[in-house]
Amino acid sequence: MQKVYSKGFNGWSQLAILLGLVGGGILATVLISFLIWISMTDGSILNMEKDMLKPENANAIQVLQAASALFMFFIPTVAFASICYRNKWTFLGFKEKLNPKALLIVLLIVAVSIPMMGLLEQINRAIPLPATTRVRFDDMEERYNEQVLLMVQLKTWGQYFISLFIIAVLPAITEEMVFRGGLQNLLTRWMKSPWAAILITSFLFSAIHWSWYGFIVRFALGVVLGLIFYYTKNIWLNILLHFLNNALVVTSLFITARQGKPLDMTPTDSFPLIVGVAGLILMVVLMRWLINSSPNPVLEENRIDVFDRRNPFDERNV
């Protein structure tokens, strides 16, 4: 059983600290984004939203994406864990070793998630909406896809690896840290209800992507990631699954580009229903296997004096 050394902040205080740091990170990201945009494009921030869809600004958009991941998610989460916990990396779930069986299950989950997510996306698109709302969501989805395709420069292998880093590596690390290692971890320990913490976190995780047609898909992915983190307490598994999920999209676009075909992120409506249902069933089976093969998810929490300078990793201090 791992020990987590809390500095004594209650649930409300920890939530306020995390949200305050993320809010500060958002403000810092906005200011830094303006500076990056002006220095890299010589353009005006007043026309920034429109100019972000111009191909000549692709490099600037990639830098903005990296800055956003760093200042909005990574730094606030590390600061939060440092303020509230002595052994912050243990709290966030950074273990030194991976369970081989858990690693195998996560890789299988990635495989079966493809048809499952296709099914959920079709369900999401089939939800009836008022005409004006659907037009607005269509416009949001189109702009989102345009920005992603603009960030993904795939003419060479070098551009492929850069796109993989921006679209897959950075979001996998930073988003898992703030949502699973930070927020879900906090809510689970505070509310004493893992499912409530997972559902709340998954809702917010999906909502921040501003994509209605992908909302159910990302919510379901958030639930899967939440369960993996709760039962393994190893955020590396979350990062791996999140990375592979995004990397498959980038790789698919790269293969399309190498074939000389136009890039398109619009999903097809011809996804076989039976395959999607099979993927969903297999996902449930794999999650049950993971849960049954995982150790006790409970972390022992020890409160310490904020001014206690003992090394929490030293077994003599346990």
Protein backbone atom coordinates (compact mmCIF):
# COMPACT_ATOMS: atom_id res chain seq x y z
CA MET A 1 0.00 0.00 0.00
CA GLN A 2 1.35 3.37 -0.97
CA LYS A 3 1.36 6.24 1.49
CA VAL A 4 0.37 9.77 0.49
CA TYR A 5 1.50 12.58 2.76
CA SER A 6 -1.17 15.28 2.92
CA LYS A 7 -0.30 18.71 4.27
CA GLY A 8 -3.70 18.98 5.93
CA PHE A 9 -5.76 21.01 3.45
CA ASN A 10 -9.43 19.97 3.41
CA GLY A 11 -11.40 19.16 0.26
CA TRP A 12 -12.76 22.65 -0.35
CA SER A 13 -9.31 24.18 0.14
CA GLN A 14 -7.69 21.74 -2.27
CA LEU A 15 -10.38 22.33 -4.89
CA ALA A 16 -9.97 26.10 -4.52
CA ILE A 17 -6.20 25.80 -4.88
CA LEU A 18 -6.45 23.61 -7.98
CA LEU A 19 -9.10 25.76 -9.67
CA GLY A 20 -7.26 28.94 -8.74
CA LEU A 21 -4.01 27.66 -10.21
CA VAL A 22 -5.71 26.43 -13.39
CA GLY A 23 -7.50 29.79 -13.68
CA GLY A 24 -4.18 31.57 -13.29
CA GLY A 25 -2.73 29.22 -15.88
CA ILE A 26 -5.49 30.13 -18.32
CA LEU A 27 -4.75 33.85 -17.88
CA ALA A 28 -1.03 33.22 -18.30
CA THR A 29 -1.73 31.16 -21.42
CA VAL A 30 -3.77 33.97 -22.95
CA LEU A 31 -1.04 36.56 -22.34
CA ILE A 32 1.74 34.26 -23.52
CA SER A 33 -0.31 33.29 -26.58
CA PHE A 34 -0.62 36.94 -27.55
CA LEU A 35 3.15 37.39 -27.27
CA ILE A 36 3.85 34.23 -29.27
CA TRP A 37 1.35 35.21 -31.95
CA ILE A 38 2.74 38.73 -32.38
CA SER A 39 6.35 37.53 -32.45
CA MET A 40 5.77 34.64 -34.87
CA THR A 41 3.20 36.12 -37.25
CA ASP A 42 3.60 39.92 -37.06
CA GLY A 43 -0.20 39.91 -37.00
CA SER A 44 -2.68 41.69 -34.78
CA ILE A 45 -4.31 39.92 -31.86
CA LEU A 46 -7.56 41.54 -32.97
CA ASN A 47 -7.58 39.31 -36.07
CA MET A 48 -6.10 36.31 -34.27
CA GLU A 49 -9.21 34.10 -34.37
CA LYS A 50 -9.61 34.51 -38.13
CA ASP A 51 -5.89 34.32 -38.92
CA MET A 52 -5.52 31.06 -36.98
CA LEU A 53 -7.16 29.27 -39.91
CA LYS A 54 -4.49 30.41 -42.38
CA PRO A 55 -1.97 27.70 -43.39
CA GLU A 56 0.98 30.10 -43.17
CA ASN A 57 0.38 30.35 -39.41
CA ALA A 58 0.56 26.60 -38.77
CA ASN A 59 3.90 26.76 -36.91
CA ALA A 60 2.60 29.49 -34.61
CA ILE A 61 -0.49 27.41 -33.82
CA GLN A 62 1.68 24.42 -32.90
CA VAL A 63 3.70 26.58 -30.49
CA LEU A 64 0.47 27.96 -29.02
CA GLN A 65 -0.81 24.42 -28.47
CA ALA A 66 2.38 23.43 -26.66
CA ALA A 67 2.28 26.59 -24.50
CA SER A 68 -1.35 25.93 -23.60
CA ALA A 69 -0.59 22.39 -22.45
CA LEU A 70 2.33 23.60 -20.35
CA PHE A 71 0.84 26.67 -18.68
CA MET A 72 -2.82 25.65 -18.48
CA PHE A 73 -2.44 22.05 -17.27
CA PHE A 74 1.09 20.88 -16.42
CA ILE A 75 2.42 23.71 -14.26
CA PRO A 76 -0.85 24.28 -12.29
CA THR A 77 -1.19 20.56 -11.53
CA VAL A 78 2.39 20.18 -10.32
CA ALA A 79 2.03 23.36 -8.25
CA PHE A 80 -1.24 22.08 -6.72
CA ALA A 81 0.27 18.71 -5.79
CA SER A 82 3.35 20.45 -4.37
CA ILE A 83 1.25 22.75 -2.18
CA CYS A 84 -1.12 20.08 -0.86
CA TYR A 85 1.08 16.96 -0.69
CA ARG A 86 4.64 16.23 0.37
CA ASN A 87 5.23 13.40 -2.14
CA LYS A 88 3.49 15.04 -5.09
CA TRP A 89 4.56 12.53 -7.73
CA THR A 90 3.16 9.63 -5.71
CA PHE A 91 -0.12 11.53 -5.28
CA LEU A 92 -0.33 12.17 -9.03
CA GLY A 93 0.22 8.48 -9.77
CA PHE A 94 3.73 8.45 -11.25
CA LYS A 95 4.89 4.96 -10.34
CA GLU A 96 8.30 3.62 -11.25
CA LYS A 97 7.06 0.25 -12.50
CA LEU A 98 4.28 -0.91 -14.80
CA ASN A 99 2.24 -4.04 -14.10
CA PRO A 100 2.77 -6.21 -17.24
CA LYS A 101 -0.78 -7.58 -17.09
CA ALA A 102 -2.28 -4.10 -16.70
CA LEU A 103 -0.13 -2.89 -19.60
CA LEU A 104 -1.41 -5.73 -21.82
CA ILE A 105 -5.02 -4.99 -20.89
CA VAL A 106 -4.60 -1.29 -21.70
CA LEU A 107 -3.18 -2.15 -25.13
CA LEU A 108 -6.18 -4.42 -25.77
CA ILE A 109 -8.51 -1.65 -24.60
CA VAL A 110 -7.01 0.66 -27.23
CA ALA A 111 -7.80 -1.92 -29.92
CA VAL A 112 -11.44 -2.48 -28.92
CA SER A 113 -12.05 1.21 -28.26
CA ILE A 114 -11.90 2.02 -31.98
CA PRO A 115 -15.20 0.34 -32.95
CA MET A 116 -16.78 1.30 -29.61
CA MET A 117 -16.03 4.98 -30.14
CA GLY A 118 -17.35 4.74 -33.69
CA LEU A 119 -20.64 3.42 -32.34
CA LEU A 120 -20.87 6.12 -29.66
CA GLU A 121 -20.14 8.86 -32.18
CA GLN A 122 -23.00 7.65 -34.38
CA ILE A 123 -25.30 7.68 -31.34
CA ASN A 124 -24.12 11.20 -30.48
CA ARG A 125 -24.88 12.45 -34.01
CA ALA A 126 -28.31 10.79 -33.98
CA ILE A 127 -29.50 12.79 -30.95
CA PRO A 128 -32.24 15.15 -32.19
CA LEU A 129 -31.44 18.86 -31.88
CA PRO A 130 -33.22 22.08 -32.84
CA ALA A 131 -32.19 23.25 -36.31
CA THR A 132 -30.47 26.41 -35.05
CA THR A 133 -28.55 24.46 -32.41
CA ARG A 134 -27.39 21.89 -34.95
CA VAL A 135 -26.16 24.64 -37.29
CA ARG A 136 -24.17 26.17 -34.43
CA PHE A 137 -22.69 22.79 -33.44
CA ASP A 138 -21.85 22.03 -37.08
CA ASP A 139 -19.98 25.31 -37.33
CA MET A 140 -18.08 24.63 -34.07
CA GLU A 141 -17.14 21.15 -35.28
CA GLU A 142 -15.95 22.45 -38.64
CA ARG A 143 -13.75 25.10 -37.01
CA TYR A 144 -12.35 22.54 -34.56
CA ASN A 145 -11.47 20.13 -37.38
CA GLU A 146 -9.91 22.93 -39.42
CA GLN A 147 -7.66 23.94 -36.54
CA VAL A 148 -6.59 20.34 -35.89
CA LEU A 149 -5.81 19.77 -39.58
CA LEU A 150 -3.86 23.01 -39.64
CA MET A 151 -1.75 21.89 -36.66
CA VAL A 152 -1.11 18.51 -38.28
CA GLN A 153 1.59 19.18 -40.89
CA LEU A 154 2.18 15.80 -42.55
CA LYS A 155 4.21 16.30 -45.70
CA THR A 156 7.38 14.73 -44.24
CA TRP A 157 8.32 12.25 -41.53
CA GLY A 158 9.75 15.12 -39.49
CA GLN A 159 6.43 16.96 -39.61
CA TYR A 160 4.67 13.72 -38.64
CA PHE A 161 6.75 13.34 -35.46
CA ILE A 162 6.28 17.01 -34.56
CA SER A 163 2.51 16.65 -35.04
CA LEU A 164 2.58 13.46 -32.98
CA PHE A 165 4.28 15.35 -30.14
CA ILE A 166 1.86 18.29 -30.28
CA ILE A 167 -1.37 16.31 -30.76
CA ALA A 168 -0.63 13.08 -28.88
CA VAL A 169 2.27 13.32 -26.42
CA LEU A 170 1.61 16.69 -24.77
CA PRO A 171 -2.18 16.29 -24.34
CA ALA A 172 -1.74 12.74 -23.02
CA ILE A 173 0.66 13.84 -20.30
CA THR A 174 -0.84 17.17 -19.29
CA GLU A 175 -4.55 16.33 -19.54
CA GLU A 176 -4.15 13.09 -17.61
CA MET A 177 -2.20 14.91 -14.92
CA VAL A 178 -4.84 17.57 -14.35
CA PHE A 179 -7.98 15.47 -14.81
CA ARG A 180 -7.05 12.07 -13.39
CA GLY A 181 -3.98 12.74 -11.24
CA GLY A 182 -5.31 16.05 -9.95
CA LEU A 183 -9.09 16.54 -10.08
CA GLN A 184 -10.34 12.94 -9.97
CA ASN A 185 -7.83 12.06 -7.29
CA LEU A 186 -8.91 15.03 -5.21
CA LEU A 187 -12.65 14.32 -5.61
CA THR A 188 -12.27 10.59 -4.90
CA ARG A 189 -10.45 11.18 -1.64
CA TRP A 190 -12.78 14.02 -0.64
CA MET A 191 -16.19 12.67 -1.68
CA LYS A 192 -15.40 9.02 -0.86
CA SER A 193 -17.31 8.06 -4.02
CA PRO A 194 -15.09 6.88 -6.88
CA TRP A 195 -17.96 6.79 -9.39
CA ALA A 196 -19.06 10.33 -8.61
CA ALA A 197 -15.48 11.56 -9.00
CA ILE A 198 -15.01 9.68 -12.28
CA LEU A 199 -18.30 10.90 -13.78
CA ILE A 200 -17.74 14.54 -12.81
CA THR A 201 -14.18 14.47 -14.13
CA SER A 202 -15.21 12.73 -17.36
CA PHE A 203 -17.93 15.32 -17.99
CA LEU A 204 -15.46 18.19 -17.58
CA PHE A 205 -12.82 16.36 -19.62
CA SER A 206 -15.22 16.06 -22.54
CA ALA A 207 -16.68 19.55 -22.15
CA ILE A 208 -13.35 21.37 -22.47
CA HIS A 209 -12.90 20.04 -26.02
CA TRP A 210 -15.90 22.09 -27.21
CA SER A 211 -17.17 19.36 -29.53
CA TRP A 212 -20.78 18.25 -29.25
CA TYR A 213 -20.45 15.45 -31.80
CA GLY A 214 -17.56 13.99 -29.87
CA PHE A 215 -18.98 14.61 -26.41
CA ILE A 216 -20.27 11.08 -25.67
CA VAL A 217 -17.11 9.54 -27.12
CA ARG A 218 -14.81 11.64 -24.94
CA PHE A 219 -17.05 11.17 -21.91
CA ALA A 220 -16.86 7.38 -22.34
CA LEU A 221 -13.09 7.60 -22.85
CA GLY A 222 -12.90 9.68 -19.67
CA VAL A 223 -14.79 6.99 -17.73
CA VAL A 224 -12.42 4.30 -19.01
CA LEU A 225 -9.39 6.42 -18.13
CA GLY A 226 -10.91 7.21 -14.74
CA LEU A 227 -11.44 3.55 -13.90
CA ILE A 228 -7.93 2.66 -15.02
CA PHE A 229 -6.46 5.33 -12.76
CA TYR A 230 -8.63 4.46 -9.78
CA TYR A 231 -7.84 0.75 -9.87
CA THR A 232 -4.15 0.92 -10.81
CA LYS A 233 -3.10 4.28 -9.31
CA ASN A 234 -0.56 4.41 -12.15
CA ILE A 235 -0.97 7.45 -14.36
CA TRP A 236 1.52 6.08 -16.90
CA LEU A 237 -1.19 3.66 -18.07
CA ASN A 238 -3.57 6.59 -18.58
CA ILE A 239 -0.94 8.52 -20.48
CA LEU A 240 -0.24 5.50 -22.69
CA LEU A 241 -3.92 4.95 -23.56
CA HIS A 242 -4.53 8.67 -24.16
CA PHE A 243 -1.40 8.91 -26.32
CA LEU A 244 -2.27 5.89 -28.46
CA ASN A 245 -5.83 7.14 -28.93
CA ASN A 246 -4.59 10.48 -30.30
CA ALA A 247 -1.65 8.94 -32.15
CA LEU A 248 -3.97 6.69 -34.15
CA VAL A 249 -5.75 9.79 -35.49
CA VAL A 250 -2.49 11.52 -36.43
CA THR A 251 -1.11 8.36 -38.03
CA SER A 252 -4.29 7.80 -40.02
CA LEU A 253 -4.09 11.35 -41.36
CA PHE A 254 -0.39 10.87 -42.15
CA ILE A 255 -1.10 7.71 -44.16
CA THR A 256 -3.85 9.55 -46.02
CA ALA A 257 -1.48 12.44 -46.78
CA ARG A 258 1.23 10.05 -48.03
CA GLN A 259 -1.29 8.54 -50.41
CA GLY A 260 -1.95 11.99 -51.85
CA LYS A 261 -5.55 12.06 -50.68
CA PRO A 262 -7.17 15.17 -49.11
CA LEU A 263 -7.27 15.15 -45.32
CA ASP A 264 -10.72 14.86 -43.80
CA MET A 265 -11.74 14.36 -40.17
CA THR A 266 -15.46 13.98 -40.91
CA PRO A 267 -16.55 10.55 -39.63
CA THR A 268 -18.20 8.09 -41.96
CA ASP A 269 -21.80 7.00 -41.35
CA SER A 270 -21.21 3.47 -42.64
CA PHE A 271 -19.76 2.07 -39.41
CA PRO A 272 -21.06 -1.49 -38.85
CA LEU A 273 -23.38 -1.51 -35.85
CA ILE A 274 -22.57 -5.08 -34.85
CA VAL A 275 -18.83 -4.31 -34.72
CA GLY A 276 -19.45 -1.30 -32.49
CA VAL A 277 -21.61 -3.34 -30.11
CA ALA A 278 -18.95 -6.07 -30.01
CA GLY A 279 -16.33 -3.45 -29.18
CA LEU A 280 -18.49 -2.13 -26.33
CA ILE A 281 -18.97 -5.64 -24.90
CA LEU A 282 -15.25 -6.41 -25.15
CA MET A 283 -14.49 -3.11 -23.42
CA VAL A 284 -16.63 -4.14 -20.44
CA VAL A 285 -14.92 -7.54 -20.31
CA LEU A 286 -11.45 -5.98 -20.41
CA MET A 287 -12.32 -3.44 -17.72
CA ARG A 288 -13.58 -6.20 -15.44
CA TRP A 289 -10.36 -8.12 -16.08
CA LEU A 290 -8.32 -5.05 -15.19
CA ILE A 291 -10.32 -4.43 -12.00
CA ASN A 292 -10.03 -8.06 -10.88
CA SER A 293 -6.28 -8.16 -11.53
CA SER A 294 -5.46 -4.84 -9.89
CA PRO A 295 -4.33 -4.37 -6.28
CA ASN A 296 -6.34 -2.60 -3.62
CA PRO A 297 -6.89 0.93 -4.98
CA VAL A 298 -6.92 2.56 -1.57
CA LEU A 299 -3.96 4.80 -0.78
CA GLU A 300 -3.16 5.35 2.87
CA GLU A 301 -3.12 9.07 3.57
CA ASN A 302 -0.98 10.49 6.34
CA ARG A 303 -1.30 14.10 7.41
CA ILE A 304 1.94 15.85 8.23
CA ASP A 305 3.03 19.19 9.58
CA VAL A 306 3.59 21.61 6.70
CA PHE A 307 6.93 22.53 8.27
CA ASP A 308 8.03 18.92 8.79
CA ARG A 309 11.14 18.54 6.63
CA ARG A 310 11.50 14.75 6.85
CA ASN A 311 11.86 12.87 3.60
CA PRO A 312 8.50 11.10 2.98
CA PHE A 313 10.22 8.51 0.78
CA ASP A 314 12.47 7.40 3.63
CA GLU A 315 11.04 4.18 5.10
CA ARG A 316 12.37 5.19 8.53
CA ASN A 317 9.87 8.08 8.52
CA VAL A 318 6.83 5.93 7.76
